[in-house]
Amino acid sequence: MRQVKHLLESKGSDIFSIAPDAPVLEAIKHMAEHRVGALLVMRGDRLVGIVSERDYARKVILQGRSSAQTAVSEIMSSPPLT
């Protein structure tokens, strides 16, 4: 049986991010491409939030908003807790 540490090691240490003014559709595409459930939202080198699949489901899909016309900044969780 594999241990949790082995699962974490296989995931790698890459960090994926998106700009707050990017459309939500772009964020969802990045998450799918990298097989992650959330992205850091960065303005330059500053962390301004986090956007997740849950944010997408609750704040776009359930509210009938457009993924292509909604900015990440409108649905991200902010300020991020670090």
PDB file of N, CA and C in Angstrom:
ATOM      1  N   MET A   1       0.841  -1.185   0.000  1.00  0.00           N
ATOM      2  CA  MET A   1       0.000   0.000   0.000  1.00  0.00           C
ATOM      3  C   MET A   1       0.884   1.246   0.000  1.00  0.00           C
ATOM      4  N   ARG A   2       0.526   2.193  -0.874  1.00  0.00           N
ATOM      5  CA  ARG A   2       1.291   3.440  -0.955  1.00  0.00           C
ATOM      6  C   ARG A   2       0.933   4.359   0.203  1.00  0.00           C
ATOM      7  N   GLN A   3       1.920   5.105   0.643  1.00  0.00           N
ATOM      8  CA  GLN A   3       1.705   6.072   1.707  1.00  0.00           C
ATOM      9  C   GLN A   3       1.403   7.440   1.098  1.00  0.00           C
ATOM     10  N   VAL A   4       0.818   8.319   1.907  1.00  0.00           N
ATOM     11  CA  VAL A   4       0.469   9.661   1.456  1.00  0.00           C
ATOM     12  C   VAL A   4       1.701  10.375   0.907  1.00  0.00           C
ATOM     13  N   LYS A   5       2.843  10.218   1.546  1.00  0.00           N
ATOM     14  CA  LYS A   5       4.051  10.899   1.077  1.00  0.00           C
ATOM     15  C   LYS A   5       4.405  10.477  -0.342  1.00  0.00           C
ATOM     16  N   HIS A   6       4.128   9.230  -0.723  1.00  0.00           N
ATOM     17  CA  HIS A   6       4.405   8.769  -2.078  1.00  0.00           C
ATOM     18  C   HIS A   6       3.452   9.423  -3.083  1.00  0.00           C
ATOM     19  N   LEU A   7       2.217   9.590  -2.702  1.00  0.00           N
ATOM     20  CA  LEU A   7       1.252  10.269  -3.564  1.00  0.00           C
ATOM     21  C   LEU A   7       1.652  11.720  -3.787  1.00  0.00           C
ATOM     22  N   LEU A   8       2.064  12.396  -2.722  1.00  0.00           N
ATOM     23  CA  LEU A   8       2.477  13.791  -2.832  1.00  0.00           C
ATOM     24  C   LEU A   8       3.734  13.940  -3.680  1.00  0.00           C
ATOM     25  N   GLU A   9       4.667  13.007  -3.540  1.00  0.00           N
ATOM     26  CA  GLU A   9       5.889  13.055  -4.343  1.00  0.00           C
ATOM     27  C   GLU A   9       5.574  12.897  -5.833  1.00  0.00           C
ATOM     28  N   SER A  10       4.588  12.073  -6.163  1.00  0.00           N
ATOM     29  CA  SER A  10       4.261  11.833  -7.572  1.00  0.00           C
ATOM     30  C   SER A  10       3.537  13.012  -8.208  1.00  0.00           C
ATOM     31  N   LYS A  11       2.942  13.884  -7.396  1.00  0.00           N
ATOM     32  CA  LYS A  11       2.229  15.041  -7.922  1.00  0.00           C
ATOM     33  C   LYS A  11       3.172  16.127  -8.431  1.00  0.00           C
ATOM     34  N   GLY A  12       4.370  16.165  -7.923  1.00  0.00           N
ATOM     35  CA  GLY A  12       5.314  17.200  -8.335  1.00  0.00           C
ATOM     36  C   GLY A  12       5.157  18.453  -7.497  1.00  0.00           C
ATOM     37  N   SER A  13       5.979  19.455  -7.793  1.00  0.00           N
ATOM     38  CA  SER A  13       5.968  20.672  -6.982  1.00  0.00           C
ATOM     39  C   SER A  13       5.678  21.920  -7.814  1.00  0.00           C
ATOM     40  N   ASP A  14       5.154  21.734  -9.026  1.00  0.00           N
ATOM     41  CA  ASP A  14       4.827  22.884  -9.874  1.00  0.00           C
ATOM     42  C   ASP A  14       3.688  23.688  -9.266  1.00  0.00           C
ATOM     43  N   ILE A  15       3.747  24.994  -9.468  1.00  0.00           N
ATOM     44  CA  ILE A  15       2.707  25.899  -8.990  1.00  0.00           C
ATOM     45  C   ILE A  15       2.109  26.580 -10.215  1.00  0.00           C
ATOM     46  N   PHE A  16       0.781  26.594 -10.287  1.00  0.00           N
ATOM     47  CA  PHE A  16       0.095  27.164 -11.438  1.00  0.00           C
ATOM     48  C   PHE A  16      -0.709  28.383 -11.010  1.00  0.00           C
ATOM     49  N   SER A  17      -0.701  29.402 -11.872  1.00  0.00           N
ATOM     50  CA  SER A  17      -1.383  30.646 -11.514  1.00  0.00           C
ATOM     51  C   SER A  17      -2.057  31.255 -12.729  1.00  0.00           C
ATOM     52  N   ILE A  18      -2.856  32.269 -12.455  1.00  0.00           N
ATOM     53  CA  ILE A  18      -3.570  32.997 -13.498  1.00  0.00           C
ATOM     54  C   ILE A  18      -3.730  34.444 -13.044  1.00  0.00           C
ATOM     55  N   ALA A  19      -3.906  35.345 -13.987  1.00  0.00           N
ATOM     56  CA  ALA A  19      -4.105  36.763 -13.671  1.00  0.00           C
ATOM     57  C   ALA A  19      -5.566  37.010 -13.299  1.00  0.00           C
ATOM     58  N   PRO A  20      -5.831  37.990 -12.444  1.00  0.00           N
ATOM     59  CA  PRO A  20      -7.205  38.256 -12.000  1.00  0.00           C
ATOM     60  C   PRO A  20      -8.129  38.741 -13.114  1.00  0.00           C
ATOM     61  N   ASP A  21      -7.571  39.342 -14.163  1.00  0.00           N
ATOM     62  CA  ASP A  21      -8.419  39.838 -15.248  1.00  0.00           C
ATOM     63  C   ASP A  21      -8.661  38.801 -16.345  1.00  0.00           C
ATOM     64  N   ALA A  22      -8.096  37.610 -16.202  1.00  0.00           N
ATOM     65  CA  ALA A  22      -8.311  36.542 -17.184  1.00  0.00           C
ATOM     66  C   ALA A  22      -9.747  36.025 -17.078  1.00  0.00           C
ATOM     67  N   PRO A  23     -10.308  35.564 -18.200  1.00  0.00           N
ATOM     68  CA  PRO A  23     -11.652  34.996 -18.129  1.00  0.00           C
ATOM     69  C   PRO A  23     -11.650  33.664 -17.383  1.00  0.00           C
ATOM     70  N   VAL A  24     -12.735  33.380 -16.714  1.00  0.00           N
ATOM     71  CA  VAL A  24     -12.866  32.137 -15.958  1.00  0.00           C
ATOM     72  C   VAL A  24     -12.660  30.927 -16.870  1.00  0.00           C
ATOM     73  N   LEU A  25     -13.107  30.997 -18.104  1.00  0.00           N
ATOM     74  CA  LEU A  25     -12.931  29.891 -19.046  1.00  0.00           C
ATOM     75  C   LEU A  25     -11.462  29.524 -19.192  1.00  0.00           C
ATOM     76  N   GLU A  26     -10.596  30.526 -19.238  1.00  0.00           N
ATOM     77  CA  GLU A  26      -9.153  30.274 -19.317  1.00  0.00           C
ATOM     78  C   GLU A  26      -8.654  29.562 -18.060  1.00  0.00           C
ATOM     79  N   ALA A  27      -9.152  29.972 -16.903  1.00  0.00           N
ATOM     80  CA  ALA A  27      -8.757  29.329 -15.647  1.00  0.00           C
ATOM     81  C   ALA A  27      -9.161  27.858 -15.641  1.00  0.00           C
ATOM     82  N   ILE A  28     -10.381  27.570 -16.085  1.00  0.00           N
ATOM     83  CA  ILE A  28     -10.863  26.188 -16.113  1.00  0.00           C
ATOM     84  C   ILE A  28     -10.023  25.355 -17.083  1.00  0.00           C
ATOM     85  N   LYS A  29      -9.655  25.930 -18.208  1.00  0.00           N
ATOM     86  CA  LYS A  29      -8.809  25.220 -19.167  1.00  0.00           C
ATOM     87  C   LYS A  29      -7.445  24.900 -18.558  1.00  0.00           C
ATOM     88  N   HIS A  30      -6.859  25.872 -17.826  1.00  0.00           N
ATOM     89  CA  HIS A  30      -5.556  25.644 -17.169  1.00  0.00           C
ATOM     90  C   HIS A  30      -5.666  24.543 -16.122  1.00  0.00           C
ATOM     91  N   MET A  31      -6.725  24.573 -15.332  1.00  0.00           N
ATOM     92  CA  MET A  31      -6.904  23.542 -14.313  1.00  0.00           C
ATOM     93  C   MET A  31      -7.003  22.161 -14.953  1.00  0.00           C
ATOM     94  N   ALA A  32      -7.769  22.049 -16.027  1.00  0.00           N
ATOM     95  CA  ALA A  32      -7.923  20.762 -16.707  1.00  0.00           C
ATOM     96  C   ALA A  32      -6.598  20.296 -17.311  1.00  0.00           C
ATOM     97  N   GLU A  33      -5.890  21.212 -17.954  1.00  0.00           N
ATOM     98  CA  GLU A  33      -4.619  20.886 -18.593  1.00  0.00           C
ATOM     99  C   GLU A  33      -3.592  20.372 -17.591  1.00  0.00           C
ATOM    100  N   HIS A  34      -3.558  20.990 -16.417  1.00  0.00           N
ATOM    101  CA  HIS A  34      -2.556  20.631 -15.409  1.00  0.00           C
ATOM    102  C   HIS A  34      -3.085  19.652 -14.356  1.00  0.00           C
ATOM    103  N   ARG A  35      -4.353  19.274 -14.518  1.00  0.00           N
ATOM    104  CA  ARG A  35      -4.987  18.308 -13.612  1.00  0.00           C
ATOM    105  C   ARG A  35      -4.910  18.763 -12.154  1.00  0.00           C
ATOM    106  N   VAL A  36      -5.305  20.025 -11.939  1.00  0.00           N
ATOM    107  CA  VAL A  36      -5.368  20.592 -10.593  1.00  0.00           C
ATOM    108  C   VAL A  36      -6.771  21.152 -10.358  1.00  0.00           C
ATOM    109  N   GLY A  37      -7.125  21.351  -9.105  1.00  0.00           N
ATOM    110  CA  GLY A  37      -8.450  21.844  -8.767  1.00  0.00           C
ATOM    111  C   GLY A  37      -8.490  23.308  -8.387  1.00  0.00           C
ATOM    112  N   ALA A  38      -7.327  23.968  -8.408  1.00  0.00           N
ATOM    113  CA  ALA A  38      -7.286  25.380  -8.028  1.00  0.00           C
ATOM    114  C   ALA A  38      -6.037  26.033  -8.617  1.00  0.00           C
ATOM    115  N   LEU A  39      -6.123  27.343  -8.779  1.00  0.00           N
ATOM    116  CA  LEU A  39      -4.993  28.138  -9.270  1.00  0.00           C
ATOM    117  C   LEU A  39      -4.772  29.323  -8.346  1.00  0.00           C
ATOM    118  N   LEU A  40      -3.518  29.705  -8.159  1.00  0.00           N
ATOM    119  CA  LEU A  40      -3.229  30.948  -7.470  1.00  0.00           C
ATOM    120  C   LEU A  40      -3.589  32.083  -8.407  1.00  0.00           C
ATOM    121  N   VAL A  41      -4.110  33.166  -7.870  1.00  0.00           N
ATOM    122  CA  VAL A  41      -4.413  34.345  -8.683  1.00  0.00           C
ATOM    123  C   VAL A  41      -3.341  35.371  -8.336  1.00  0.00           C
ATOM    124  N   MET A  42      -2.538  35.720  -9.365  1.00  0.00           N
ATOM    125  CA  MET A  42      -1.389  36.586  -9.165  1.00  0.00           C
ATOM    126  C   MET A  42      -1.528  37.868  -9.967  1.00  0.00           C
ATOM    127  N   ARG A  43      -1.248  38.987  -9.313  1.00  0.00           N
ATOM    128  CA  ARG A  43      -1.130  40.275 -10.010  1.00  0.00           C
ATOM    129  C   ARG A  43       0.353  40.603  -9.979  1.00  0.00           C
ATOM    130  N   GLY A  44       1.026  40.322 -11.103  1.00  0.00           N
ATOM    131  CA  GLY A  44       2.484  40.438 -11.123  1.00  0.00           C
ATOM    132  C   GLY A  44       3.068  39.360 -10.233  1.00  0.00           C
ATOM    133  N   ASP A  45       3.855  39.774  -9.236  1.00  0.00           N
ATOM    134  CA  ASP A  45       4.425  38.800  -8.300  1.00  0.00           C
ATOM    135  C   ASP A  45       3.692  38.779  -6.958  1.00  0.00           C
ATOM    136  N   ARG A  46       2.501  39.388  -6.932  1.00  0.00           N
ATOM    137  CA  ARG A  46       1.722  39.479  -5.692  1.00  0.00           C
ATOM    138  C   ARG A  46       0.527  38.523  -5.720  1.00  0.00           C
ATOM    139  N   LEU A  47       0.406  37.696  -4.685  1.00  0.00           N
ATOM    140  CA  LEU A  47      -0.729  36.788  -4.541  1.00  0.00           C
ATOM    141  C   LEU A  47      -1.951  37.583  -4.095  1.00  0.00           C
ATOM    142  N   VAL A  48      -3.013  37.557  -4.912  1.00  0.00           N
ATOM    143  CA  VAL A  48      -4.213  38.330  -4.587  1.00  0.00           C
ATOM    144  C   VAL A  48      -5.431  37.445  -4.310  1.00  0.00           C
ATOM    145  N   GLY A  49      -5.328  36.147  -4.601  1.00  0.00           N
ATOM    146  CA  GLY A  49      -6.459  35.265  -4.357  1.00  0.00           C
ATOM    147  C   GLY A  49      -6.183  33.859  -4.830  1.00  0.00           C
ATOM    148  N   ILE A  50      -7.224  33.043  -4.767  1.00  0.00           N
ATOM    149  CA  ILE A  50      -7.174  31.680  -5.268  1.00  0.00           C
ATOM    150  C   ILE A  50      -8.522  31.401  -5.914  1.00  0.00           C
ATOM    151  N   VAL A  51      -8.500  30.682  -7.018  1.00  0.00           N
ATOM    152  CA  VAL A  51      -9.735  30.314  -7.702  1.00  0.00           C
ATOM    153  C   VAL A  51      -9.759  28.789  -7.821  1.00  0.00           C
ATOM    154  N   SER A  52     -10.904  28.208  -7.505  1.00  0.00           N
ATOM    155  CA  SER A  52     -11.023  26.759  -7.489  1.00  0.00           C
ATOM    156  C   SER A  52     -12.203  26.289  -8.328  1.00  0.00           C
ATOM    157  N   GLU A  53     -12.247  24.991  -8.552  1.00  0.00           N
ATOM    158  CA  GLU A  53     -13.389  24.395  -9.250  1.00  0.00           C
ATOM    159  C   GLU A  53     -14.674  24.667  -8.471  1.00  0.00           C
ATOM    160  N   ARG A  54     -14.592  24.700  -7.155  1.00  0.00           N
ATOM    161  CA  ARG A  54     -15.764  24.989  -6.330  1.00  0.00           C
ATOM    162  C   ARG A  54     -16.255  26.416  -6.572  1.00  0.00           C
ATOM    163  N   ASP A  55     -15.329  27.375  -6.655  1.00  0.00           N
ATOM    164  CA  ASP A  55     -15.715  28.757  -6.980  1.00  0.00           C
ATOM    165  C   ASP A  55     -16.454  28.785  -8.309  1.00  0.00           C
ATOM    166  N   TYR A  56     -15.925  28.063  -9.285  1.00  0.00           N
ATOM    167  CA  TYR A  56     -16.530  28.008 -10.617  1.00  0.00           C
ATOM    168  C   TYR A  56     -17.949  27.435 -10.551  1.00  0.00           C
ATOM    169  N   ALA A  57     -18.081  26.318  -9.874  1.00  0.00           N
ATOM    170  CA  ALA A  57     -19.399  25.668  -9.792  1.00  0.00           C
ATOM    171  C   ALA A  57     -20.432  26.552  -9.099  1.00  0.00           C
ATOM    172  N   ARG A  58     -20.043  27.166  -8.004  1.00  0.00           N
ATOM    173  CA  ARG A  58     -20.996  27.938  -7.204  1.00  0.00           C
ATOM    174  C   ARG A  58     -21.242  29.352  -7.718  1.00  0.00           C
ATOM    175  N   LYS A  59     -20.223  29.965  -8.290  1.00  0.00           N
ATOM    176  CA  LYS A  59     -20.330  31.388  -8.641  1.00  0.00           C
ATOM    177  C   LYS A  59     -20.500  31.644 -10.137  1.00  0.00           C
ATOM    178  N   VAL A  60     -20.358  30.606 -10.950  1.00  0.00           N
ATOM    179  CA  VAL A  60     -20.574  30.766 -12.385  1.00  0.00           C
ATOM    180  C   VAL A  60     -21.714  29.848 -12.826  1.00  0.00           C
ATOM    181  N   ILE A  61     -21.517  28.561 -12.717  1.00  0.00           N
ATOM    182  CA  ILE A  61     -22.505  27.598 -13.208  1.00  0.00           C
ATOM    183  C   ILE A  61     -23.855  27.778 -12.522  1.00  0.00           C
ATOM    184  N   LEU A  62     -23.895  27.740 -11.204  1.00  0.00           N
ATOM    185  CA  LEU A  62     -25.170  27.821 -10.486  1.00  0.00           C
ATOM    186  C   LEU A  62     -25.857  29.173 -10.612  1.00  0.00           C
ATOM    187  N   GLN A  63     -25.097  30.201 -10.956  1.00  0.00           N
ATOM    188  CA  GLN A  63     -25.689  31.532 -11.117  1.00  0.00           C
ATOM    189  C   GLN A  63     -25.955  31.874 -12.584  1.00  0.00           C
ATOM    190  N   GLY A  64     -25.695  30.923 -13.480  1.00  0.00           N
ATOM    191  CA  GLY A  64     -25.983  31.124 -14.892  1.00  0.00           C
ATOM    192  C   GLY A  64     -25.116  32.170 -15.565  1.00  0.00           C
ATOM    193  N   ARG A  65     -23.897  32.362 -15.067  1.00  0.00           N
ATOM    194  CA  ARG A  65     -22.989  33.355 -15.645  1.00  0.00           C
ATOM    195  C   ARG A  65     -22.190  32.747 -16.793  1.00  0.00           C
ATOM    196  N   SER A  66     -21.579  33.572 -17.591  1.00  0.00           N
ATOM    197  CA  SER A  66     -20.773  33.134 -18.724  1.00  0.00           C
ATOM    198  C   SER A  66     -19.319  32.944 -18.304  1.00  0.00           C
ATOM    199  N   SER A  67     -18.774  31.774 -18.573  1.00  0.00           N
ATOM    200  CA  SER A  67     -17.368  31.491 -18.260  1.00  0.00           C
ATOM    201  C   SER A  67     -16.431  32.360 -19.086  1.00  0.00           C
ATOM    202  N   ALA A  68     -16.846  32.689 -20.298  1.00  0.00           N
ATOM    203  CA  ALA A  68     -15.990  33.469 -21.188  1.00  0.00           C
ATOM    204  C   ALA A  68     -16.033  34.957 -20.873  1.00  0.00           C
ATOM    205  N   GLN A  69     -17.106  35.412 -20.230  1.00  0.00           N
ATOM    206  CA  GLN A  69     -17.259  36.847 -19.984  1.00  0.00           C
ATOM    207  C   GLN A  69     -17.103  37.238 -18.515  1.00  0.00           C
ATOM    208  N   THR A  70     -16.866  36.264 -17.651  1.00  0.00           N
ATOM    209  CA  THR A  70     -16.667  36.547 -16.227  1.00  0.00           C
ATOM    210  C   THR A  70     -15.181  36.519 -15.926  1.00  0.00           C
ATOM    211  N   ALA A  71     -14.683  37.541 -15.257  1.00  0.00           N
ATOM    212  CA  ALA A  71     -13.258  37.604 -14.895  1.00  0.00           C
ATOM    213  C   ALA A  71     -12.996  36.757 -13.650  1.00  0.00           C
ATOM    214  N   VAL A  72     -11.818  36.195 -13.577  1.00  0.00           N
ATOM    215  CA  VAL A  72     -11.401  35.415 -12.417  1.00  0.00           C
ATOM    216  C   VAL A  72     -11.579  36.231 -11.138  1.00  0.00           C
ATOM    217  N   SER A  73     -11.271  37.523 -11.179  1.00  0.00           N
ATOM    218  CA  SER A  73     -11.371  38.377  -9.987  1.00  0.00           C
ATOM    219  C   SER A  73     -12.792  38.440  -9.419  1.00  0.00           C
ATOM    220  N   GLU A  74     -13.796  38.178 -10.246  1.00  0.00           N
ATOM    221  CA  GLU A  74     -15.187  38.225  -9.796  1.00  0.00           C
ATOM    222  C   GLU A  74     -15.596  37.000  -8.989  1.00  0.00           C
ATOM    223  N   ILE A  75     -14.846  35.901  -9.105  1.00  0.00           N
ATOM    224  CA  ILE A  75     -15.240  34.674  -8.396  1.00  0.00           C
ATOM    225  C   ILE A  75     -14.178  34.138  -7.452  1.00  0.00           C
ATOM    226  N   MET A  76     -12.973  34.699  -7.499  1.00  0.00           N
ATOM    227  CA  MET A  76     -11.880  34.171  -6.670  1.00  0.00           C
ATOM    228  C   MET A  76     -12.142  34.388  -5.189  1.00  0.00           C
ATOM    229  N   SER A  77     -11.499  33.566  -4.385  1.00  0.00           N
ATOM    230  CA  SER A  77     -11.536  33.746  -2.939  1.00  0.00           C
ATOM    231  C   SER A  77     -10.393  34.686  -2.574  1.00  0.00           C
ATOM    232  N   SER A  78     -10.739  35.762  -1.883  1.00  0.00           N
ATOM    233  CA  SER A  78      -9.754  36.784  -1.552  1.00  0.00           C
ATOM    234  C   SER A  78     -10.156  37.491  -0.271  1.00  0.00           C
ATOM    235  N   PRO A  79      -9.237  37.862   0.575  1.00  0.00           N
ATOM    236  CA  PRO A  79      -7.797  37.676   0.464  1.00  0.00           C
ATOM    237  C   PRO A  79      -7.423  36.230   0.792  1.00  0.00           C
ATOM    238  N   PRO A  80      -6.327  35.755   0.200  1.00  0.00           N
ATOM    239  CA  PRO A  80      -5.908  34.381   0.474  1.00  0.00           C
ATOM    240  C   PRO A  80      -5.325  34.263   1.882  1.00  0.00           C
ATOM    241  N   LEU A  81      -5.622  33.183   2.537  1.00  0.00           N
ATOM    242  CA  LEU A  81      -5.050  32.932   3.853  1.00  0.00           C
ATOM    243  C   LEU A  81      -3.732  32.214   3.666  1.00  0.00           C
ATOM    244  N   THR A  82      -2.669  32.775   4.221  1.00  0.00           N
ATOM    245  CA  THR A  82      -1.348  32.143   4.085  1.00  0.00           C
ATOM    246  C   THR A  82      -0.728  31.957   5.445  1.00  0.00           C
TER     247      THR A  82
END
